[in-house]
Amino acid sequence: MHTTIFRFEEGSPFVDARRPVRNEIHDRLLWQAIRLAKSGKNVLKDGLIIYTPIPAYLQGPTTLEVYWDFESPEEYDALPRAAS
């Protein structure tokens, strides 16, 4: 499982602007997952599991700690596997 912290300060285009933040967070997590994965091209196909509920809109400055993981964790396991 991975964690990413998103900080939306005063003046952010997502704070009090009725601009949806959920899609922005999902897109940022996808790009982060692509960087972390062994083969980034499979992340877009397989997807992510996001454990933290993400609000659609922000009503004020917010810090969100989002827990997420790859849809297929064994495929993106960071530890090298022993040859059999």
PDB file of N, CA and C in Angstrom:
ATOM      1  N   MET A   1       0.848  -1.171   0.000  1.00  0.00           N
ATOM      2  CA  MET A   1       0.000   0.000   0.000  1.00  0.00           C
ATOM      3  C   MET A   1       0.895   1.237   0.000  1.00  0.00           C
ATOM      4  N   HIS A   2       0.433   2.259  -0.679  1.00  0.00           N
ATOM      5  CA  HIS A   2       1.179   3.507  -0.789  1.00  0.00           C
ATOM      6  C   HIS A   2       0.331   4.639  -0.207  1.00  0.00           C
ATOM      7  N   THR A   3       0.984   5.712   0.167  1.00  0.00           N
ATOM      8  CA  THR A   3       0.269   6.886   0.654  1.00  0.00           C
ATOM      9  C   THR A   3       0.831   8.126  -0.028  1.00  0.00           C
ATOM     10  N   THR A   4      -0.060   9.036  -0.351  1.00  0.00           N
ATOM     11  CA  THR A   4       0.321  10.300  -0.970  1.00  0.00           C
ATOM     12  C   THR A   4      -0.450  11.407  -0.274  1.00  0.00           C
ATOM     13  N   ILE A   5       0.235  12.496   0.041  1.00  0.00           N
ATOM     14  CA  ILE A   5      -0.408  13.630   0.706  1.00  0.00           C
ATOM     15  C   ILE A   5      -0.616  14.744  -0.307  1.00  0.00           C
ATOM     16  N   PHE A   6      -1.852  15.228  -0.363  1.00  0.00           N
ATOM     17  CA  PHE A   6      -2.211  16.348  -1.232  1.00  0.00           C
ATOM     18  C   PHE A   6      -2.573  17.531  -0.349  1.00  0.00           C
ATOM     19  N   ARG A   7      -1.943  18.668  -0.595  1.00  0.00           N
ATOM     20  CA  ARG A   7      -2.242  19.894   0.158  1.00  0.00           C
ATOM     21  C   ARG A   7      -2.861  20.906  -0.794  1.00  0.00           C
ATOM     22  N   PHE A   8      -4.031  21.362  -0.448  1.00  0.00           N
ATOM     23  CA  PHE A   8      -4.716  22.383  -1.230  1.00  0.00           C
ATOM     24  C   PHE A   8      -4.836  23.617  -0.349  1.00  0.00           C
ATOM     25  N   GLU A   9      -4.000  24.601  -0.615  1.00  0.00           N
ATOM     26  CA  GLU A   9      -3.932  25.820   0.189  1.00  0.00           C
ATOM     27  C   GLU A   9      -4.891  26.875  -0.358  1.00  0.00           C
ATOM     28  N   GLU A  10      -5.035  27.942   0.400  1.00  0.00           N
ATOM     29  CA  GLU A  10      -5.820  29.095  -0.047  1.00  0.00           C
ATOM     30  C   GLU A  10      -5.224  29.596  -1.363  1.00  0.00           C
ATOM     31  N   GLY A  11      -6.065  29.878  -2.323  1.00  0.00           N
ATOM     32  CA  GLY A  11      -5.597  30.333  -3.628  1.00  0.00           C
ATOM     33  C   GLY A  11      -5.504  29.210  -4.651  1.00  0.00           C
ATOM     34  N   SER A  12      -5.630  27.963  -4.201  1.00  0.00           N
ATOM     35  CA  SER A  12      -5.630  26.832  -5.128  1.00  0.00           C
ATOM     36  C   SER A  12      -6.891  26.897  -5.986  1.00  0.00           C
ATOM     37  N   PRO A  13      -6.809  26.532  -7.253  1.00  0.00           N
ATOM     38  CA  PRO A  13      -8.003  26.571  -8.104  1.00  0.00           C
ATOM     39  C   PRO A  13      -9.080  25.571  -7.676  1.00  0.00           C
ATOM     40  N   PHE A  14      -8.769  24.664  -6.747  1.00  0.00           N
ATOM     41  CA  PHE A  14      -9.740  23.675  -6.295  1.00  0.00           C
ATOM     42  C   PHE A  14     -10.451  24.078  -5.003  1.00  0.00           C
ATOM     43  N   VAL A  15      -9.981  25.116  -4.322  1.00  0.00           N
ATOM     44  CA  VAL A  15     -10.557  25.531  -3.040  1.00  0.00           C
ATOM     45  C   VAL A  15     -11.638  26.576  -3.288  1.00  0.00           C
ATOM     46  N   ASP A  16     -12.833  26.294  -2.806  1.00  0.00           N
ATOM     47  CA  ASP A  16     -13.987  27.204  -2.900  1.00  0.00           C
ATOM     48  C   ASP A  16     -14.292  27.639  -4.332  1.00  0.00           C
ATOM     49  N   ALA A  17     -13.947  26.844  -5.319  1.00  0.00           N
ATOM     50  CA  ALA A  17     -14.143  27.271  -6.705  1.00  0.00           C
ATOM     51  C   ALA A  17     -15.114  26.366  -7.453  1.00  0.00           C
ATOM     52  N   ARG A  18     -15.680  25.394  -6.769  1.00  0.00           N
ATOM     53  CA  ARG A  18     -16.580  24.432  -7.403  1.00  0.00           C
ATOM     54  C   ARG A  18     -15.908  23.732  -8.582  1.00  0.00           C
ATOM     55  N   ARG A  19     -14.595  23.583  -8.496  1.00  0.00           N
ATOM     56  CA  ARG A  19     -13.844  22.829  -9.496  1.00  0.00           C
ATOM     57  C   ARG A  19     -13.604  21.441  -8.922  1.00  0.00           C
ATOM     58  N   PRO A  20     -14.011  20.390  -9.615  1.00  0.00           N
ATOM     59  CA  PRO A  20     -13.898  19.037  -9.050  1.00  0.00           C
ATOM     60  C   PRO A  20     -12.452  18.624  -8.802  1.00  0.00           C
ATOM     61  N   VAL A  21     -12.211  18.110  -7.603  1.00  0.00           N
ATOM     62  CA  VAL A  21     -10.861  17.722  -7.204  1.00  0.00           C
ATOM     63  C   VAL A  21     -10.640  16.214  -7.359  1.00  0.00           C
ATOM     64  N   ARG A  22     -11.704  15.443  -7.371  1.00  0.00           N
ATOM     65  CA  ARG A  22     -11.590  13.983  -7.419  1.00  0.00           C
ATOM     66  C   ARG A  22     -10.825  13.515  -8.659  1.00  0.00           C
ATOM     67  N   ASN A  23     -11.169  14.037  -9.824  1.00  0.00           N
ATOM     68  CA  ASN A  23     -10.485  13.625 -11.058  1.00  0.00           C
ATOM     69  C   ASN A  23      -9.022  14.041 -11.054  1.00  0.00           C
ATOM     70  N   GLU A  24      -8.738  15.214 -10.521  1.00  0.00           N
ATOM     71  CA  GLU A  24      -7.354  15.703 -10.455  1.00  0.00           C
ATOM     72  C   GLU A  24      -6.494  14.775  -9.592  1.00  0.00           C
ATOM     73  N   ILE A  25      -7.016  14.374  -8.437  1.00  0.00           N
ATOM     74  CA  ILE A  25      -6.274  13.479  -7.548  1.00  0.00           C
ATOM     75  C   ILE A  25      -6.070  12.121  -8.217  1.00  0.00           C
ATOM     76  N   HIS A  26      -7.106  11.606  -8.847  1.00  0.00           N
ATOM     77  CA  HIS A  26      -6.986  10.314  -9.521  1.00  0.00           C
ATOM     78  C   HIS A  26      -5.922  10.375 -10.620  1.00  0.00           C
ATOM     79  N   ASP A  27      -5.921  11.438 -11.408  1.00  0.00           N
ATOM     80  CA  ASP A  27      -4.922  11.585 -12.474  1.00  0.00           C
ATOM     81  C   ASP A  27      -3.503  11.680 -11.910  1.00  0.00           C
ATOM     82  N   ARG A  28      -3.335  12.427 -10.827  1.00  0.00           N
ATOM     83  CA  ARG A  28      -2.001  12.548 -10.214  1.00  0.00           C
ATOM     84  C   ARG A  28      -1.528  11.216  -9.650  1.00  0.00           C
ATOM     85  N   LEU A  29      -2.456  10.447  -9.062  1.00  0.00           N
ATOM     86  CA  LEU A  29      -2.088   9.133  -8.537  1.00  0.00           C
ATOM     87  C   LEU A  29      -1.696   8.177  -9.663  1.00  0.00           C
ATOM     88  N   LEU A  30      -2.402   8.246 -10.787  1.00  0.00           N
ATOM     89  CA  LEU A  30      -2.041   7.397 -11.924  1.00  0.00           C
ATOM     90  C   LEU A  30      -0.623   7.681 -12.398  1.00  0.00           C
ATOM     91  N   TRP A  31      -0.276   8.953 -12.508  1.00  0.00           N
ATOM     92  CA  TRP A  31       1.071   9.297 -12.960  1.00  0.00           C
ATOM     93  C   TRP A  31       2.122   8.874 -11.946  1.00  0.00           C
ATOM     94  N   GLN A  32       1.804   8.987 -10.663  1.00  0.00           N
ATOM     95  CA  GLN A  32       2.744   8.535  -9.636  1.00  0.00           C
ATOM     96  C   GLN A  32       2.905   7.018  -9.708  1.00  0.00           C
ATOM     97  N   ALA A  33       1.804   6.311  -9.921  1.00  0.00           N
ATOM     98  CA  ALA A  33       1.861   4.852 -10.025  1.00  0.00           C
ATOM     99  C   ALA A  33       2.682   4.421 -11.231  1.00  0.00           C
ATOM    100  N   ILE A  34       2.559   5.142 -12.329  1.00  0.00           N
ATOM    101  CA  ILE A  34       3.341   4.816 -13.523  1.00  0.00           C
ATOM    102  C   ILE A  34       4.832   4.948 -13.226  1.00  0.00           C
ATOM    103  N   ARG A  35       5.202   5.973 -12.472  1.00  0.00           N
ATOM    104  CA  ARG A  35       6.616   6.160 -12.125  1.00  0.00           C
ATOM    105  C   ARG A  35       7.124   5.052 -11.195  1.00  0.00           C
ATOM    106  N   LEU A  36       6.255   4.544 -10.314  1.00  0.00           N
ATOM    107  CA  LEU A  36       6.670   3.531  -9.344  1.00  0.00           C
ATOM    108  C   LEU A  36       6.639   2.113  -9.902  1.00  0.00           C
ATOM    109  N   ALA A  37       5.822   1.869 -10.893  1.00  0.00           N
ATOM    110  CA  ALA A  37       5.628   0.513 -11.406  1.00  0.00           C
ATOM    111  C   ALA A  37       6.832   0.046 -12.212  1.00  0.00           C
ATOM    112  N   LYS A  38       6.988  -1.256 -12.255  1.00  0.00           N
ATOM    113  CA  LYS A  38       8.049  -1.836 -13.079  1.00  0.00           C
ATOM    114  C   LYS A  38       7.774  -1.558 -14.551  1.00  0.00           C
ATOM    115  N   SER A  39       6.524  -1.721 -14.945  1.00  0.00           N
ATOM    116  CA  SER A  39       6.118  -1.487 -16.329  1.00  0.00           C
ATOM    117  C   SER A  39       4.943  -0.522 -16.302  1.00  0.00           C
ATOM    118  N   GLY A  40       5.208   0.754 -16.471  1.00  0.00           N
ATOM    119  CA  GLY A  40       4.180   1.784 -16.346  1.00  0.00           C
ATOM    120  C   GLY A  40       3.011   1.633 -17.282  1.00  0.00           C
ATOM    121  N   LYS A  41       3.218   1.019 -18.443  1.00  0.00           N
ATOM    122  CA  LYS A  41       2.132   0.918 -19.409  1.00  0.00           C
ATOM    123  C   LYS A  41       0.971   0.073 -18.896  1.00  0.00           C
ATOM    124  N   ASN A  42       1.225  -0.879 -17.991  1.00  0.00           N
ATOM    125  CA  ASN A  42       0.155  -1.729 -17.477  1.00  0.00           C
ATOM    126  C   ASN A  42      -0.697  -1.035 -16.424  1.00  0.00           C
ATOM    127  N   VAL A  43      -0.208   0.017 -15.808  1.00  0.00           N
ATOM    128  CA  VAL A  43      -0.958   0.708 -14.757  1.00  0.00           C
ATOM    129  C   VAL A  43      -2.241   1.300 -15.321  1.00  0.00           C
ATOM    130  N   LEU A  44      -2.169   1.907 -16.487  1.00  0.00           N
ATOM    131  CA  LEU A  44      -3.362   2.508 -17.081  1.00  0.00           C
ATOM    132  C   LEU A  44      -4.405   1.448 -17.407  1.00  0.00           C
ATOM    133  N   LYS A  45      -3.963   0.267 -17.796  1.00  0.00           N
ATOM    134  CA  LYS A  45      -4.890  -0.809 -18.130  1.00  0.00           C
ATOM    135  C   LYS A  45      -5.473  -1.447 -16.872  1.00  0.00           C
ATOM    136  N   ASP A  46      -4.619  -1.752 -15.898  1.00  0.00           N
ATOM    137  CA  ASP A  46      -5.053  -2.470 -14.703  1.00  0.00           C
ATOM    138  C   ASP A  46      -5.758  -1.577 -13.693  1.00  0.00           C
ATOM    139  N   GLY A  47      -5.325  -0.337 -13.568  1.00  0.00           N
ATOM    140  CA  GLY A  47      -5.965   0.599 -12.656  1.00  0.00           C
ATOM    141  C   GLY A  47      -5.391   0.592 -11.254  1.00  0.00           C
ATOM    142  N   LEU A  48      -6.011   1.410 -10.401  1.00  0.00           N
ATOM    143  CA  LEU A  48      -5.592   1.573  -9.011  1.00  0.00           C
ATOM    144  C   LEU A  48      -6.752   1.275  -8.082  1.00  0.00           C
ATOM    145  N   ILE A  49      -6.415   0.948  -6.844  1.00  0.00           N
ATOM    146  CA  ILE A  49      -7.402   0.851  -5.774  1.00  0.00           C
ATOM    147  C   ILE A  49      -7.127   2.032  -4.859  1.00  0.00           C
ATOM    148  N   ILE A  50      -8.113   2.899  -4.676  1.00  0.00           N
ATOM    149  CA  ILE A  50      -7.970   4.059  -3.790  1.00  0.00           C
ATOM    150  C   ILE A  50      -8.821   3.786  -2.559  1.00  0.00           C
ATOM    151  N   TYR A  51      -8.163   3.682  -1.399  1.00  0.00           N
ATOM    152  CA  TYR A  51      -8.843   3.319  -0.160  1.00  0.00           C
ATOM    153  C   TYR A  51      -9.454   4.522   0.555  1.00  0.00           C
ATOM    154  N   THR A  52      -8.932   5.700   0.322  1.00  0.00           N
ATOM    155  CA  THR A  52      -9.388   6.903   1.018  1.00  0.00           C
ATOM    156  C   THR A  52     -10.531   7.546   0.248  1.00  0.00           C
ATOM    157  N   PRO A  53     -11.645   7.833   0.912  1.00  0.00           N
ATOM    158  CA  PRO A  53     -12.714   8.558   0.215  1.00  0.00           C
ATOM    159  C   PRO A  53     -12.234   9.965  -0.154  1.00  0.00           C
ATOM    160  N   ILE A  54     -12.453  10.353  -1.391  1.00  0.00           N
ATOM    161  CA  ILE A  54     -12.011  11.660  -1.873  1.00  0.00           C
ATOM    162  C   ILE A  54     -13.247  12.515  -2.137  1.00  0.00           C
ATOM    163  N   PRO A  55     -13.310  13.709  -1.554  1.00  0.00           N
ATOM    164  CA  PRO A  55     -14.478  14.568  -1.794  1.00  0.00           C
ATOM    165  C   PRO A  55     -14.508  15.047  -3.242  1.00  0.00           C
ATOM    166  N   ALA A  56     -15.700  15.314  -3.731  1.00  0.00           N
ATOM    167  CA  ALA A  56     -15.829  15.821  -5.100  1.00  0.00           C
ATOM    168  C   ALA A  56     -15.328  17.259  -5.185  1.00  0.00           C
ATOM    169  N   TYR A  57     -15.633  18.057  -4.165  1.00  0.00           N
ATOM    170  CA  TYR A  57     -15.250  19.473  -4.150  1.00  0.00           C
ATOM    171  C   TYR A  57     -14.659  19.812  -2.789  1.00  0.00           C
ATOM    172  N   LEU A  58     -13.817  20.846  -2.747  1.00  0.00           N
ATOM    173  CA  LEU A  58     -13.227  21.313  -1.490  1.00  0.00           C
ATOM    174  C   LEU A  58     -13.879  22.626  -1.085  1.00  0.00           C
ATOM    175  N   GLN A  59     -14.235  22.731   0.191  1.00  0.00           N
ATOM    176  CA  GLN A  59     -14.880  23.944   0.682  1.00  0.00           C
ATOM    177  C   GLN A  59     -13.914  24.864   1.409  1.00  0.00           C
ATOM    178  N   GLY A  60     -12.685  24.486   1.527  1.00  0.00           N
ATOM    179  CA  GLY A  60     -11.673  25.302   2.185  1.00  0.00           C
ATOM    180  C   GLY A  60     -10.319  24.631   2.043  1.00  0.00           C
ATOM    181  N   PRO A  61      -9.252  25.278   2.526  1.00  0.00           N
ATOM    182  CA  PRO A  61      -7.926  24.659   2.466  1.00  0.00           C
ATOM    183  C   PRO A  61      -7.953  23.282   3.142  1.00  0.00           C
ATOM    184  N   THR A  62      -7.372  22.306   2.491  1.00  0.00           N
ATOM    185  CA  THR A  62      -7.469  20.922   2.947  1.00  0.00           C
ATOM    186  C   THR A  62      -6.162  20.181   2.703  1.00  0.00           C
ATOM    187  N   THR A  63      -5.862  19.267   3.607  1.00  0.00           N
ATOM    188  CA  THR A  63      -4.776  18.313   3.402  1.00  0.00           C
ATOM    189  C   THR A  63      -5.405  16.929   3.394  1.00  0.00           C
ATOM    190  N   LEU A  64      -5.207  16.204   2.302  1.00  0.00           N
ATOM    191  CA  LEU A  64      -5.755  14.854   2.168  1.00  0.00           C
ATOM    192  C   LEU A  64      -4.609  13.849   2.135  1.00  0.00           C
ATOM    193  N   GLU A  65      -4.688  12.841   2.987  1.00  0.00           N
ATOM    194  CA  GLU A  65      -3.730  11.740   2.954  1.00  0.00           C
ATOM    195  C   GLU A  65      -4.444  10.568   2.288  1.00  0.00           C
ATOM    196  N   VAL A  66      -4.020  10.236   1.089  1.00  0.00           N
ATOM    197  CA  VAL A  66      -4.707   9.242   0.271  1.00  0.00           C
ATOM    198  C   VAL A  66      -3.910   7.940   0.276  1.00  0.00           C
ATOM    199  N   TYR A  67      -4.583   6.853   0.656  1.00  0.00           N
ATOM    200  CA  TYR A  67      -3.983   5.521   0.636  1.00  0.00           C
ATOM    201  C   TYR A  67      -4.440   4.814  -0.629  1.00  0.00           C
ATOM    202  N   TRP A  68      -3.482   4.220  -1.340  1.00  0.00           N
ATOM    203  CA  TRP A  68      -3.811   3.578  -2.604  1.00  0.00           C
ATOM    204  C   TRP A  68      -2.861   2.420  -2.862  1.00  0.00           C
ATOM    205  N   ASP A  69      -3.230   1.592  -3.812  1.00  0.00           N
ATOM    206  CA  ASP A  69      -2.378   0.477  -4.209  1.00  0.00           C
ATOM    207  C   ASP A  69      -2.674   0.127  -5.658  1.00  0.00           C
ATOM    208  N   PHE A  70      -1.805  -0.676  -6.235  1.00  0.00           N
ATOM    209  CA  PHE A  70      -2.010  -1.149  -7.594  1.00  0.00           C
ATOM    210  C   PHE A  70      -3.140  -2.170  -7.608  1.00  0.00           C
ATOM    211  N   GLU A  71      -3.881  -2.233  -8.699  1.00  0.00           N
ATOM    212  CA  GLU A  71      -4.946  -3.233  -8.838  1.00  0.00           C
ATOM    213  C   GLU A  71      -4.355  -4.642  -8.792  1.00  0.00           C
ATOM    214  N   SER A  72      -3.179  -4.837  -9.362  1.00  0.00           N
ATOM    215  CA  SER A  72      -2.493  -6.140  -9.356  1.00  0.00           C
ATOM    216  C   SER A  72      -1.172  -5.999  -8.600  1.00  0.00           C
ATOM    217  N   PRO A  73      -1.188  -6.037  -7.257  1.00  0.00           N
ATOM    218  CA  PRO A  73       0.031  -5.781  -6.487  1.00  0.00           C
ATOM    219  C   PRO A  73       1.159  -6.759  -6.788  1.00  0.00           C
ATOM    220  N   GLU A  74       0.848  -8.020  -7.065  1.00  0.00           N
ATOM    221  CA  GLU A  74       1.929  -8.976  -7.329  1.00  0.00           C
ATOM    222  C   GLU A  74       2.676  -8.632  -8.613  1.00  0.00           C
ATOM    223  N   GLU A  75       2.002  -8.003  -9.559  1.00  0.00           N
ATOM    224  CA  GLU A  75       2.651  -7.632 -10.808  1.00  0.00           C
ATOM    225  C   GLU A  75       3.618  -6.469 -10.608  1.00  0.00           C
ATOM    226  N   TYR A  76       3.355  -5.624  -9.609  1.00  0.00           N
ATOM    227  CA  TYR A  76       4.174  -4.438  -9.388  1.00  0.00           C
ATOM    228  C   TYR A  76       4.970  -4.530  -8.101  1.00  0.00           C
ATOM    229  N   ASP A  77       5.165  -5.724  -7.613  1.00  0.00           N
ATOM    230  CA  ASP A  77       5.909  -5.925  -6.374  1.00  0.00           C
ATOM    231  C   ASP A  77       7.313  -5.341  -6.524  1.00  0.00           C
ATOM    232  N   ALA A  78       7.705  -4.508  -5.581  1.00  0.00           N
ATOM    233  CA  ALA A  78       8.997  -3.820  -5.662  1.00  0.00           C
ATOM    234  C   ALA A  78      10.174  -4.754  -5.376  1.00  0.00           C
ATOM    235  N   LEU A  79       9.926  -5.855  -4.685  1.00  0.00           N
ATOM    236  CA  LEU A  79      11.015  -6.765  -4.339  1.00  0.00           C
ATOM    237  C   LEU A  79      11.271  -7.737  -5.485  1.00  0.00           C
ATOM    238  N   PRO A  80      12.523  -7.948  -5.838  1.00  0.00           N
ATOM    239  CA  PRO A  80      12.815  -8.906  -6.916  1.00  0.00           C
ATOM    240  C   PRO A  80      12.479 -10.326  -6.479  1.00  0.00           C
ATOM    241  N   ARG A  81      11.957 -11.097  -7.393  1.00  0.00           N
ATOM    242  CA  ARG A  81      11.589 -12.477  -7.086  1.00  0.00           C
ATOM    243  C   ARG A  81      12.743 -13.403  -7.446  1.00  0.00           C
ATOM    244  N   ALA A  82      12.863 -14.462  -6.674  1.00  0.00           N
ATOM    245  CA  ALA A  82      13.910 -15.449  -6.946  1.00  0.00           C
ATOM    246  C   ALA A  82      13.529 -16.266  -8.176  1.00  0.00           C
ATOM    247  N   ALA A  83      14.499 -16.570  -8.986  1.00  0.00           N
ATOM    248  CA  ALA A  83      14.248 -17.400 -10.169  1.00  0.00           C
ATOM    249  C   ALA A  83      13.968 -18.821  -9.724  1.00  0.00           C
ATOM    250  N   SER A  84      12.996 -19.463 -10.382  1.00  0.00           N
ATOM    251  CA  SER A  84      12.677 -20.844  -9.999  1.00  0.00           C
ATOM    252  C   SER A  84      13.047 -21.813 -11.086  1.00  0.00           C
TER     253      SER A  84
END
